[in-house]
């Protein structure tokens, strides 16, 4: 069977719309995780006796421990949201199979 010159295999697969919302969510969650790392480092540095990184905000040990806890919480939430958004970005390109039948890629 001869394939004509006008055949295009890309026409056989429907184009899915670009998922910019999930990309922005992944970028925002990466920024959230970065802010969490920076806050946790500032709190830990203040607790270890280094000069206060944020001025009077973490000058006392209670404020420094609050900054450390808030930084760790932001880091956890940022990584969690990033993993969820990356999973949703990849899931749109896959086949419609049950999740337990597919290999784990993340």
PDB file of N, CA and C in Angstrom:
ATOM      1  N   UNK A   1       0.837  -1.164   0.000  1.00  0.00           N
ATOM      2  CA  UNK A   1       0.000   0.000   0.000  1.00  0.00           C
ATOM      3  C   UNK A   1       0.894   1.244   0.000  1.00  0.00           C
ATOM      4  N   UNK A   2       0.576   2.147  -0.871  1.00  0.00           N
ATOM      5  CA  UNK A   2       1.396   3.341  -1.030  1.00  0.00           C
ATOM      6  C   UNK A   2       0.877   4.479  -0.155  1.00  0.00           C
ATOM      7  N   UNK A   3       1.798   5.136   0.554  1.00  0.00           N
ATOM      8  CA  UNK A   3       1.427   6.280   1.384  1.00  0.00           C
ATOM      9  C   UNK A   3       1.551   7.537   0.531  1.00  0.00           C
ATOM     10  N   UNK A   4       0.499   8.282   0.476  1.00  0.00           N
ATOM     11  CA  UNK A   4       0.518   9.485  -0.355  1.00  0.00           C
ATOM     12  C   UNK A   4       1.334  10.580   0.323  1.00  0.00           C
ATOM     13  N   UNK A   5       1.682  11.583  -0.446  1.00  0.00           N
ATOM     14  CA  UNK A   5       2.497  12.673   0.079  1.00  0.00           C
ATOM     15  C   UNK A   5       1.728  13.563   1.036  1.00  0.00           C
ATOM     16  N   UNK A   6       0.421  13.571   0.972  1.00  0.00           N
ATOM     17  CA  UNK A   6      -0.370  14.449   1.823  1.00  0.00           C
ATOM     18  C   UNK A   6      -0.708  13.844   3.179  1.00  0.00           C
ATOM     19  N   UNK A   7      -0.158  12.669   3.494  1.00  0.00           N
ATOM     20  CA  UNK A   7      -0.477  12.018   4.766  1.00  0.00           C
ATOM     21  C   UNK A   7       0.304  12.654   5.904  1.00  0.00           C
ATOM     22  N   UNK A   8      -0.378  12.951   6.994  1.00  0.00           N
ATOM     23  CA  UNK A   8       0.261  13.533   8.176  1.00  0.00           C
ATOM     24  C   UNK A   8      -0.196  12.734   9.389  1.00  0.00           C
ATOM     25  N   UNK A   9       0.744  12.057  10.040  1.00  0.00           N
ATOM     26  CA  UNK A   9       0.403  11.206  11.179  1.00  0.00           C
ATOM     27  C   UNK A   9      -0.045  12.024  12.384  1.00  0.00           C
ATOM     28  N   UNK A  10       0.357  13.289  12.459  1.00  0.00           N
ATOM     29  CA  UNK A  10      -0.031  14.120  13.599  1.00  0.00           C
ATOM     30  C   UNK A  10      -1.523  14.426  13.605  1.00  0.00           C
ATOM     31  N   UNK A  11      -2.157  14.314  12.438  1.00  0.00           N
ATOM     32  CA  UNK A  11      -3.601  14.563  12.380  1.00  0.00           C
ATOM     33  C   UNK A  11      -4.399  13.478  13.093  1.00  0.00           C
ATOM     34  N   UNK A  12      -3.833  12.296  13.235  1.00  0.00           N
ATOM     35  CA  UNK A  12      -4.561  11.182  13.831  1.00  0.00           C
ATOM     36  C   UNK A  12      -4.759  11.349  15.325  1.00  0.00           C
ATOM     37  N   UNK A  13      -3.855  12.062  15.980  1.00  0.00           N
ATOM     38  CA  UNK A  13      -3.971  12.279  17.416  1.00  0.00           C
ATOM     39  C   UNK A  13      -4.584  13.647  17.667  1.00  0.00           C
ATOM     40  N   UNK A  14      -5.589  13.709  18.515  1.00  0.00           N
ATOM     41  CA  UNK A  14      -6.172  15.027  18.809  1.00  0.00           C
ATOM     42  C   UNK A  14      -5.200  15.864  19.634  1.00  0.00           C
ATOM     43  N   UNK A  15      -5.122  17.141  19.313  1.00  0.00           N
ATOM     44  CA  UNK A  15      -4.251  18.046  20.072  1.00  0.00           C
ATOM     45  C   UNK A  15      -4.934  18.438  21.362  1.00  0.00           C
ATOM     46  N   UNK A  16      -4.198  18.329  22.426  1.00  0.00           N
ATOM     47  CA  UNK A  16      -4.736  18.755  23.711  1.00  0.00           C
ATOM     48  C   UNK A  16      -4.351  20.205  23.937  1.00  0.00           C
ATOM     49  N   UNK A  17      -5.196  20.969  24.566  1.00  0.00           N
ATOM     50  CA  UNK A  17      -4.835  22.364  24.834  1.00  0.00           C
ATOM     51  C   UNK A  17      -3.680  22.441  25.822  1.00  0.00           C
ATOM     52  N   UNK A  18      -2.867  23.458  25.679  1.00  0.00           N
ATOM     53  CA  UNK A  18      -1.736  23.636  26.585  1.00  0.00           C
ATOM     54  C   UNK A  18      -2.246  23.964  27.977  1.00  0.00           C
ATOM     55  N   UNK A  19      -1.594  23.380  28.952  1.00  0.00           N
ATOM     56  CA  UNK A  19      -2.044  23.507  30.331  1.00  0.00           C
ATOM     57  C   UNK A  19      -1.186  24.537  31.060  1.00  0.00           C
ATOM     58  N   UNK A  20      -1.416  25.821  30.765  1.00  0.00           N
ATOM     59  CA  UNK A  20      -0.608  26.880  31.353  1.00  0.00           C
ATOM     60  C   UNK A  20      -0.904  27.074  32.827  1.00  0.00           C
ATOM     61  N   UNK A  21      -2.114  26.757  33.252  1.00  0.00           N
ATOM     62  CA  UNK A  21      -2.456  26.910  34.663  1.00  0.00           C
ATOM     63  C   UNK A  21      -1.606  26.024  35.559  1.00  0.00           C
ATOM     64  N   UNK A  22      -1.399  24.800  35.147  1.00  0.00           N
ATOM     65  CA  UNK A  22      -0.569  23.887  35.938  1.00  0.00           C
ATOM     66  C   UNK A  22       0.895  24.305  35.909  1.00  0.00           C
ATOM     67  N   UNK A  23       1.336  24.888  34.801  1.00  0.00           N
ATOM     68  CA  UNK A  23       2.718  25.359  34.739  1.00  0.00           C
ATOM     69  C   UNK A  23       2.931  26.531  35.690  1.00  0.00           C
ATOM     70  N   UNK A  24       1.960  27.439  35.727  1.00  0.00           N
ATOM     71  CA  UNK A  24       2.067  28.550  36.670  1.00  0.00           C
ATOM     72  C   UNK A  24       1.986  28.057  38.110  1.00  0.00           C
ATOM     73  N   UNK A  25       1.157  27.038  38.359  1.00  0.00           N
ATOM     74  CA  UNK A  25       1.066  26.470  39.704  1.00  0.00           C
ATOM     75  C   UNK A  25       2.392  25.824  40.110  1.00  0.00           C
ATOM     76  N   UNK A  26       3.047  25.145  39.172  1.00  0.00           N
ATOM     77  CA  UNK A  26       4.345  24.536  39.473  1.00  0.00           C
ATOM     78  C   UNK A  26       5.393  25.610  39.757  1.00  0.00           C
ATOM     79  N   UNK A  27       5.364  26.697  38.995  1.00  0.00           N
ATOM     80  CA  UNK A  27       6.326  27.781  39.229  1.00  0.00           C
ATOM     81  C   UNK A  27       6.065  28.466  40.574  1.00  0.00           C
ATOM     82  N   UNK A  28       4.802  28.688  40.897  1.00  0.00           N
ATOM     83  CA  UNK A  28       4.467  29.311  42.179  1.00  0.00           C
ATOM     84  C   UNK A  28       4.868  28.421  43.349  1.00  0.00           C
ATOM     85  N   UNK A  29       4.656  27.121  43.213  1.00  0.00           N
ATOM     86  CA  UNK A  29       5.021  26.225  44.305  1.00  0.00           C
ATOM     87  C   UNK A  29       6.541  26.119  44.447  1.00  0.00           C
ATOM     88  N   UNK A  30       7.278  26.242  43.353  1.00  0.00           N
ATOM     89  CA  UNK A  30       8.746  26.270  43.464  1.00  0.00           C
ATOM     90  C   UNK A  30       9.197  27.537  44.185  1.00  0.00           C
ATOM     91  N   UNK A  31       8.545  28.664  43.909  1.00  0.00           N
ATOM     92  CA  UNK A  31       8.858  29.894  44.636  1.00  0.00           C
ATOM     93  C   UNK A  31       8.503  29.780  46.114  1.00  0.00           C
ATOM     94  N   UNK A  32       7.400  29.104  46.399  1.00  0.00           N
ATOM     95  CA  UNK A  32       6.984  28.885  47.781  1.00  0.00           C
ATOM     96  C   UNK A  32       8.022  28.043  48.527  1.00  0.00           C
ATOM     97  N   UNK A  33       8.520  26.998  47.872  1.00  0.00           N
ATOM     98  CA  UNK A  33       9.540  26.152  48.490  1.00  0.00           C
ATOM     99  C   UNK A  33      10.846  26.924  48.692  1.00  0.00           C
ATOM    100  N   UNK A  34      11.188  27.782  47.747  1.00  0.00           N
ATOM    101  CA  UNK A  34      12.398  28.590  47.883  1.00  0.00           C
ATOM    102  C   UNK A  34      12.284  29.550  49.063  1.00  0.00           C
ATOM    103  N   UNK A  35      11.123  30.180  49.200  1.00  0.00           N
ATOM    104  CA  UNK A  35      10.904  31.079  50.340  1.00  0.00           C
ATOM    105  C   UNK A  35      10.967  30.306  51.651  1.00  0.00           C
ATOM    106  N   UNK A  36      10.450  29.074  51.649  1.00  0.00           N
ATOM    107  CA  UNK A  36      10.529  28.240  52.843  1.00  0.00           C
ATOM    108  C   UNK A  36      11.954  27.912  53.225  1.00  0.00           C
ATOM    109  N   UNK A  37      12.787  27.607  52.234  1.00  0.00           N
ATOM    110  CA  UNK A  37      14.201  27.320  52.513  1.00  0.00           C
ATOM    111  C   UNK A  37      14.891  28.548  53.090  1.00  0.00           C
ATOM    112  N   UNK A  38      14.626  29.722  52.497  1.00  0.00           N
ATOM    113  CA  UNK A  38      15.276  30.941  52.985  1.00  0.00           C
ATOM    114  C   UNK A  38      14.835  31.298  54.405  1.00  0.00           C
ATOM    115  N   UNK A  39      13.547  31.158  54.706  1.00  0.00           N
ATOM    116  CA  UNK A  39      13.071  31.440  56.065  1.00  0.00           C
ATOM    117  C   UNK A  39      13.633  30.445  57.073  1.00  0.00           C
ATOM    118  N   UNK A  40      13.689  29.174  56.673  1.00  0.00           N
ATOM    119  CA  UNK A  40      14.243  28.164  57.585  1.00  0.00           C
ATOM    120  C   UNK A  40      15.723  28.419  57.843  1.00  0.00           C
ATOM    121  N   UNK A  41      16.458  28.833  56.822  1.00  0.00           N
ATOM    122  CA  UNK A  41      17.872  29.133  57.019  1.00  0.00           C
ATOM    123  C   UNK A  41      18.062  30.351  57.917  1.00  0.00           C
ATOM    124  N   UNK A  42      17.208  31.368  57.760  1.00  0.00           N
ATOM    125  CA  UNK A  42      17.317  32.556  58.608  1.00  0.00           C
ATOM    126  C   UNK A  42      17.000  32.213  60.059  1.00  0.00           C
ATOM    127  N   UNK A  43      15.975  31.402  60.286  1.00  0.00           N
ATOM    128  CA  UNK A  43      15.629  30.999  61.648  1.00  0.00           C
ATOM    129  C   UNK A  43      16.687  30.136  62.285  1.00  0.00           C
ATOM    130  N   UNK A  44      17.248  29.205  61.507  1.00  0.00           N
ATOM    131  CA  UNK A  44      18.293  28.334  62.051  1.00  0.00           C
ATOM    132  C   UNK A  44      19.560  29.128  62.345  1.00  0.00           C
ATOM    133  N   UNK A  45      19.896  30.079  61.481  1.00  0.00           N
ATOM    134  CA  UNK A  45      21.090  30.893  61.728  1.00  0.00           C
ATOM    135  C   UNK A  45      20.926  31.730  62.988  1.00  0.00           C
ATOM    136  N   UNK A  46      19.729  32.230  63.219  1.00  0.00           N
ATOM    137  CA  UNK A  46      19.497  33.028  64.427  1.00  0.00           C
ATOM    138  C   UNK A  46      19.525  32.150  65.679  1.00  0.00           C
ATOM    139  N   UNK A  47      19.030  30.926  65.571  1.00  0.00           N
ATOM    140  CA  UNK A  47      19.060  30.023  66.728  1.00  0.00           C
ATOM    141  C   UNK A  47      20.474  29.557  67.047  1.00  0.00           C
ATOM    142  N   UNK A  48      21.323  29.449  66.035  1.00  0.00           N
ATOM    143  CA  UNK A  48      22.689  28.987  66.258  1.00  0.00           C
ATOM    144  C   UNK A  48      23.613  30.091  66.746  1.00  0.00           C
ATOM    145  N   UNK A  49      23.107  31.315  66.873  1.00  0.00           N
ATOM    146  CA  UNK A  49      23.904  32.382  67.437  1.00  0.00           C
ATOM    147  C   UNK A  49      24.530  33.307  66.431  1.00  0.00           C
ATOM    148  N   UNK A  50      24.235  33.127  65.162  1.00  0.00           N
ATOM    149  CA  UNK A  50      24.751  34.043  64.152  1.00  0.00           C
ATOM    150  C   UNK A  50      23.961  35.341  64.205  1.00  0.00           C
ATOM    151  N   UNK A  51      24.424  36.397  63.555  1.00  0.00           N
ATOM    152  CA  UNK A  51      23.669  37.662  63.553  1.00  0.00           C
ATOM    153  C   UNK A  51      22.286  37.472  62.929  1.00  0.00           C
ATOM    154  N   UNK A  52      21.362  38.239  63.413  1.00  0.00           N
ATOM    155  CA  UNK A  52      19.986  38.121  62.939  1.00  0.00           C
ATOM    156  C   UNK A  52      19.905  38.504  61.471  1.00  0.00           C
ATOM    157  N   UNK A  53      19.317  37.623  60.662  1.00  0.00           N
ATOM    158  CA  UNK A  53      19.239  37.867  59.226  1.00  0.00           C
ATOM    159  C   UNK A  53      18.086  38.800  58.873  1.00  0.00           C
ATOM    160  N   UNK A  54      17.063  38.826  59.668  1.00  0.00           N
ATOM    161  CA  UNK A  54      15.893  39.653  59.364  1.00  0.00           C
ATOM    162  C   UNK A  54      15.721  40.780  60.372  1.00  0.00           C
ATOM    163  N   UNK A  55      16.779  41.230  60.967  1.00  0.00           N
ATOM    164  CA  UNK A  55      16.708  42.352  61.900  1.00  0.00           C
ATOM    165  C   UNK A  55      16.039  41.962  63.205  1.00  0.00           C
ATOM    166  N   UNK A  56      15.094  42.767  63.639  1.00  0.00           N
ATOM    167  CA  UNK A  56      14.422  42.543  64.926  1.00  0.00           C
ATOM    168  C   UNK A  56      13.370  41.445  64.864  1.00  0.00           C
ATOM    169  N   UNK A  57      13.071  40.954  63.643  1.00  0.00           N
ATOM    170  CA  UNK A  57      12.011  39.951  63.513  1.00  0.00           C
ATOM    171  C   UNK A  57      12.385  38.646  64.197  1.00  0.00           C
ATOM    172  N   UNK A  58      13.640  38.263  64.123  1.00  0.00           N
ATOM    173  CA  UNK A  58      14.055  37.013  64.753  1.00  0.00           C
ATOM    174  C   UNK A  58      15.225  37.225  65.711  1.00  0.00           C
ATOM    175  N   UNK A  59      15.187  38.329  66.442  1.00  0.00           N
ATOM    176  CA  UNK A  59      16.273  38.629  67.381  1.00  0.00           C
ATOM    177  C   UNK A  59      16.214  37.733  68.616  1.00  0.00           C
ATOM    178  N   UNK A  60      15.028  37.349  69.063  1.00  0.00           N
ATOM    179  CA  UNK A  60      14.921  36.483  70.241  1.00  0.00           C
ATOM    180  C   UNK A  60      14.735  35.025  69.799  1.00  0.00           C
ATOM    181  N   UNK A  61      15.026  34.074  70.675  1.00  0.00           N
ATOM    182  CA  UNK A  61      14.919  32.661  70.303  1.00  0.00           C
ATOM    183  C   UNK A  61      13.492  32.223  69.950  1.00  0.00           C
ATOM    184  N   UNK A  62      12.493  32.809  70.576  1.00  0.00           N
ATOM    185  CA  UNK A  62      11.113  32.420  70.244  1.00  0.00           C
ATOM    186  C   UNK A  62      10.759  32.834  68.815  1.00  0.00           C
ATOM    187  N   UNK A  63      11.141  34.035  68.433  1.00  0.00           N
ATOM    188  CA  UNK A  63      10.880  34.485  67.067  1.00  0.00           C
ATOM    189  C   UNK A  63      11.651  33.678  66.039  1.00  0.00           C
ATOM    190  N   UNK A  64      12.889  33.307  66.399  1.00  0.00           N
ATOM    191  CA  UNK A  64      13.697  32.503  65.487  1.00  0.00           C
ATOM    192  C   UNK A  64      13.106  31.111  65.302  1.00  0.00           C
ATOM    193  N   UNK A  65      12.581  30.528  66.375  1.00  0.00           N
ATOM    194  CA  UNK A  65      11.975  29.198  66.241  1.00  0.00           C
ATOM    195  C   UNK A  65      10.677  29.259  65.443  1.00  0.00           C
ATOM    196  N   UNK A  66       9.930  30.367  65.590  1.00  0.00           N
ATOM    197  CA  UNK A  66       8.721  30.531  64.765  1.00  0.00           C
ATOM    198  C   UNK A  66       9.101  30.647  63.297  1.00  0.00           C
ATOM    199  N   UNK A  67      10.159  31.395  62.991  1.00  0.00           N
ATOM    200  CA  UNK A  67      10.618  31.512  61.606  1.00  0.00           C
ATOM    201  C   UNK A  67      11.086  30.167  61.057  1.00  0.00           C
ATOM    202  N   UNK A  68      11.777  29.407  61.882  1.00  0.00           N
ATOM    203  CA  UNK A  68      12.234  28.090  61.449  1.00  0.00           C
ATOM    204  C   UNK A  68      11.049  27.181  61.150  1.00  0.00           C
ATOM    205  N   UNK A  69      10.066  27.166  62.034  1.00  0.00           N
ATOM    206  CA  UNK A  69       8.877  26.336  61.811  1.00  0.00           C
ATOM    207  C   UNK A  69       8.079  26.783  60.598  1.00  0.00           C
ATOM    208  N   UNK A  70       7.925  28.094  60.433  1.00  0.00           N
ATOM    209  CA  UNK A  70       7.199  28.614  59.273  1.00  0.00           C
ATOM    210  C   UNK A  70       7.938  28.296  57.982  1.00  0.00           C
ATOM    211  N   UNK A  71       9.261  28.400  58.015  1.00  0.00           N
ATOM    212  CA  UNK A  71      10.057  28.073  56.831  1.00  0.00           C
ATOM    213  C   UNK A  71       9.939  26.607  56.455  1.00  0.00           C
ATOM    214  N   UNK A  72       9.979  25.727  57.453  1.00  0.00           N
ATOM    215  CA  UNK A  72       9.838  24.299  57.166  1.00  0.00           C
ATOM    216  C   UNK A  72       8.441  23.964  56.650  1.00  0.00           C
ATOM    217  N   UNK A  73       7.431  24.638  57.191  1.00  0.00           N
ATOM    218  CA  UNK A  73       6.064  24.429  56.707  1.00  0.00           C
ATOM    219  C   UNK A  73       5.915  24.899  55.260  1.00  0.00           C
ATOM    220  N   UNK A  74       6.472  26.069  54.936  1.00  0.00           N
ATOM    221  CA  UNK A  74       6.413  26.558  53.557  1.00  0.00           C
ATOM    222  C   UNK A  74       7.176  25.642  52.610  1.00  0.00           C
ATOM    223  N   UNK A  75       8.305  25.129  53.059  1.00  0.00           N
ATOM    224  CA  UNK A  75       9.067  24.197  52.238  1.00  0.00           C
ATOM    225  C   UNK A  75       8.270  22.934  51.959  1.00  0.00           C
ATOM    226  N   UNK A  76       7.638  22.377  52.986  1.00  0.00           N
ATOM    227  CA  UNK A  76       6.837  21.174  52.812  1.00  0.00           C
ATOM    228  C   UNK A  76       5.664  21.421  51.863  1.00  0.00           C
ATOM    229  N   UNK A  77       4.952  22.523  52.069  1.00  0.00           N
ATOM    230  CA  UNK A  77       3.811  22.830  51.196  1.00  0.00           C
ATOM    231  C   UNK A  77       4.245  23.085  49.757  1.00  0.00           C
ATOM    232  N   UNK A  78       5.373  23.777  49.566  1.00  0.00           N
ATOM    233  CA  UNK A  78       5.859  24.039  48.226  1.00  0.00           C
ATOM    234  C   UNK A  78       6.227  22.765  47.483  1.00  0.00           C
ATOM    235  N   UNK A  79       6.923  21.862  48.158  1.00  0.00           N
ATOM    236  CA  UNK A  79       7.293  20.592  47.520  1.00  0.00           C
ATOM    237  C   UNK A  79       6.046  19.756  47.233  1.00  0.00           C
ATOM    238  N   UNK A  80       5.095  19.760  48.162  1.00  0.00           N
ATOM    239  CA  UNK A  80       3.870  18.981  47.966  1.00  0.00           C
ATOM    240  C   UNK A  80       3.064  19.511  46.781  1.00  0.00           C
ATOM    241  N   UNK A  81       2.877  20.835  46.707  1.00  0.00           N
ATOM    242  CA  UNK A  81       2.145  21.418  45.574  1.00  0.00           C
ATOM    243  C   UNK A  81       2.893  21.220  44.262  1.00  0.00           C
ATOM    244  N   UNK A  82       4.219  21.293  44.296  1.00  0.00           N
ATOM    245  CA  UNK A  82       4.999  21.100  43.085  1.00  0.00           C
ATOM    246  C   UNK A  82       4.848  19.679  42.552  1.00  0.00           C
ATOM    247  N   UNK A  83       4.890  18.701  43.456  1.00  0.00           N
ATOM    248  CA  UNK A  83       4.723  17.308  43.021  1.00  0.00           C
ATOM    249  C   UNK A  83       3.333  17.061  42.456  1.00  0.00           C
ATOM    250  N   UNK A  84       2.307  17.657  43.096  1.00  0.00           N
ATOM    251  CA  UNK A  84       0.935  17.498  42.597  1.00  0.00           C
ATOM    252  C   UNK A  84       0.750  18.126  41.217  1.00  0.00           C
ATOM    253  N   UNK A  85       1.313  19.326  41.032  1.00  0.00           N
ATOM    254  CA  UNK A  85       1.143  19.987  39.748  1.00  0.00           C
ATOM    255  C   UNK A  85       1.927  19.275  38.649  1.00  0.00           C
ATOM    256  N   UNK A  86       3.126  18.773  38.954  1.00  0.00           N
ATOM    257  CA  UNK A  86       3.893  18.019  37.957  1.00  0.00           C
ATOM    258  C   UNK A  86       3.176  16.719  37.596  1.00  0.00           C
ATOM    259  N   UNK A  87       2.550  16.087  38.565  1.00  0.00           N
ATOM    260  CA  UNK A  87       1.810  14.863  38.290  1.00  0.00           C
ATOM    261  C   UNK A  87       0.621  15.146  37.379  1.00  0.00           C
ATOM    262  N   UNK A  88      -0.082  16.247  37.615  1.00  0.00           N
ATOM    263  CA  UNK A  88      -1.211  16.606  36.755  1.00  0.00           C
ATOM    264  C   UNK A  88      -0.760  17.022  35.361  1.00  0.00           C
ATOM    265  N   UNK A  89       0.405  17.641  35.263  1.00  0.00           N
ATOM    266  CA  UNK A  89       0.932  17.994  33.945  1.00  0.00           C
ATOM    267  C   UNK A  89       1.241  16.748  33.132  1.00  0.00           C
ATOM    268  N   UNK A  90       1.821  15.755  33.761  1.00  0.00           N
ATOM    269  CA  UNK A  90       2.174  14.524  33.045  1.00  0.00           C
ATOM    270  C   UNK A  90       0.971  13.645  32.764  1.00  0.00           C
ATOM    271  N   UNK A  91       0.003  13.674  33.643  1.00  0.00           N
ATOM    272  CA  UNK A  91      -1.143  12.782  33.496  1.00  0.00           C
ATOM    273  C   UNK A  91      -1.970  13.109  32.255  1.00  0.00           C
ATOM    274  N   UNK A  92      -1.952  14.351  31.785  1.00  0.00           N
ATOM    275  CA  UNK A  92      -2.759  14.714  30.637  1.00  0.00           C
ATOM    276  C   UNK A  92      -2.240  14.080  29.354  1.00  0.00           C
ATOM    277  N   UNK A  93      -0.956  13.715  29.311  1.00  0.00           N
ATOM    278  CA  UNK A  93      -0.390  13.115  28.099  1.00  0.00           C
ATOM    279  C   UNK A  93      -0.484  11.599  28.091  1.00  0.00           C
ATOM    280  N   UNK A  94      -0.876  10.998  29.171  1.00  0.00           N
ATOM    281  CA  UNK A  94      -0.873   9.548  29.261  1.00  0.00           C
ATOM    282  C   UNK A  94      -2.176   8.953  28.758  1.00  0.00           C
ATOM    283  N   UNK A  95      -2.177   7.647  28.665  1.00  0.00           N
ATOM    284  CA  UNK A  95      -3.382   6.944  28.274  1.00  0.00           C
ATOM    285  C   UNK A  95      -4.358   6.899  29.434  1.00  0.00           C
ATOM    286  N   UNK A  96      -5.610   6.686  29.117  1.00  0.00           N
ATOM    287  CA  UNK A  96      -6.635   6.619  30.157  1.00  0.00           C
ATOM    288  C   UNK A  96      -6.713   5.203  30.717  1.00  0.00           C
ATOM    289  N   UNK A  97      -5.750   4.868  31.556  1.00  0.00           N
ATOM    290  CA  UNK A  97      -5.720   3.569  32.228  1.00  0.00           C
ATOM    291  C   UNK A  97      -5.848   3.788  33.723  1.00  0.00           C
ATOM    292  N   UNK A  98      -6.125   2.737  34.427  1.00  0.00           N
ATOM    293  CA  UNK A  98      -6.167   2.822  35.878  1.00  0.00           C
ATOM    294  C   UNK A  98      -4.771   3.150  36.401  1.00  0.00           C
ATOM    295  N   UNK A  99      -4.684   3.986  37.430  1.00  0.00           N
ATOM    296  CA  UNK A  99      -3.358   4.375  37.933  1.00  0.00           C
ATOM    297  C   UNK A  99      -2.529   3.198  38.447  1.00  0.00           C
ATOM    298  N   UNK A 100      -3.179   2.152  38.958  1.00  0.00           N
ATOM    299  CA  UNK A 100      -2.388   1.055  39.500  1.00  0.00           C
ATOM    300  C   UNK A 100      -1.822   0.154  38.404  1.00  0.00           C
ATOM    301  N   UNK A 101      -2.277   0.308  37.154  1.00  0.00           N
ATOM    302  CA  UNK A 101      -1.743  -0.480  36.055  1.00  0.00           C
ATOM    303  C   UNK A 101      -0.533   0.158  35.403  1.00  0.00           C
ATOM    304  N   UNK A 102      -0.302   1.424  35.660  1.00  0.00           N
ATOM    305  CA  UNK A 102       0.787   2.144  35.021  1.00  0.00           C
ATOM    306  C   UNK A 102       2.040   2.140  35.906  1.00  0.00           C
ATOM    307  N   UNK A 103       3.204   2.303  35.284  1.00  0.00           N
ATOM    308  CA  UNK A 103       4.448   2.360  36.041  1.00  0.00           C
ATOM    309  C   UNK A 103       4.557   3.700  36.746  1.00  0.00           C
ATOM    310  N   UNK A 104       5.248   3.676  37.860  1.00  0.00           N
ATOM    311  CA  UNK A 104       5.470   4.900  38.600  1.00  0.00           C
ATOM    312  C   UNK A 104       6.683   5.619  37.999  1.00  0.00           C
ATOM    313  N   UNK A 105       6.525   6.894  37.627  1.00  0.00           N
ATOM    314  CA  UNK A 105       7.626   7.659  37.055  1.00  0.00           C
ATOM    315  C   UNK A 105       8.143   8.718  38.007  1.00  0.00           C
ATOM    316  N   UNK A 106       7.399   9.079  39.043  1.00  0.00           N
ATOM    317  CA  UNK A 106       7.844  10.123  39.983  1.00  0.00           C
ATOM    318  C   UNK A 106       8.302   9.534  41.278  1.00  0.00           C
TER     319      UNK A 106
END
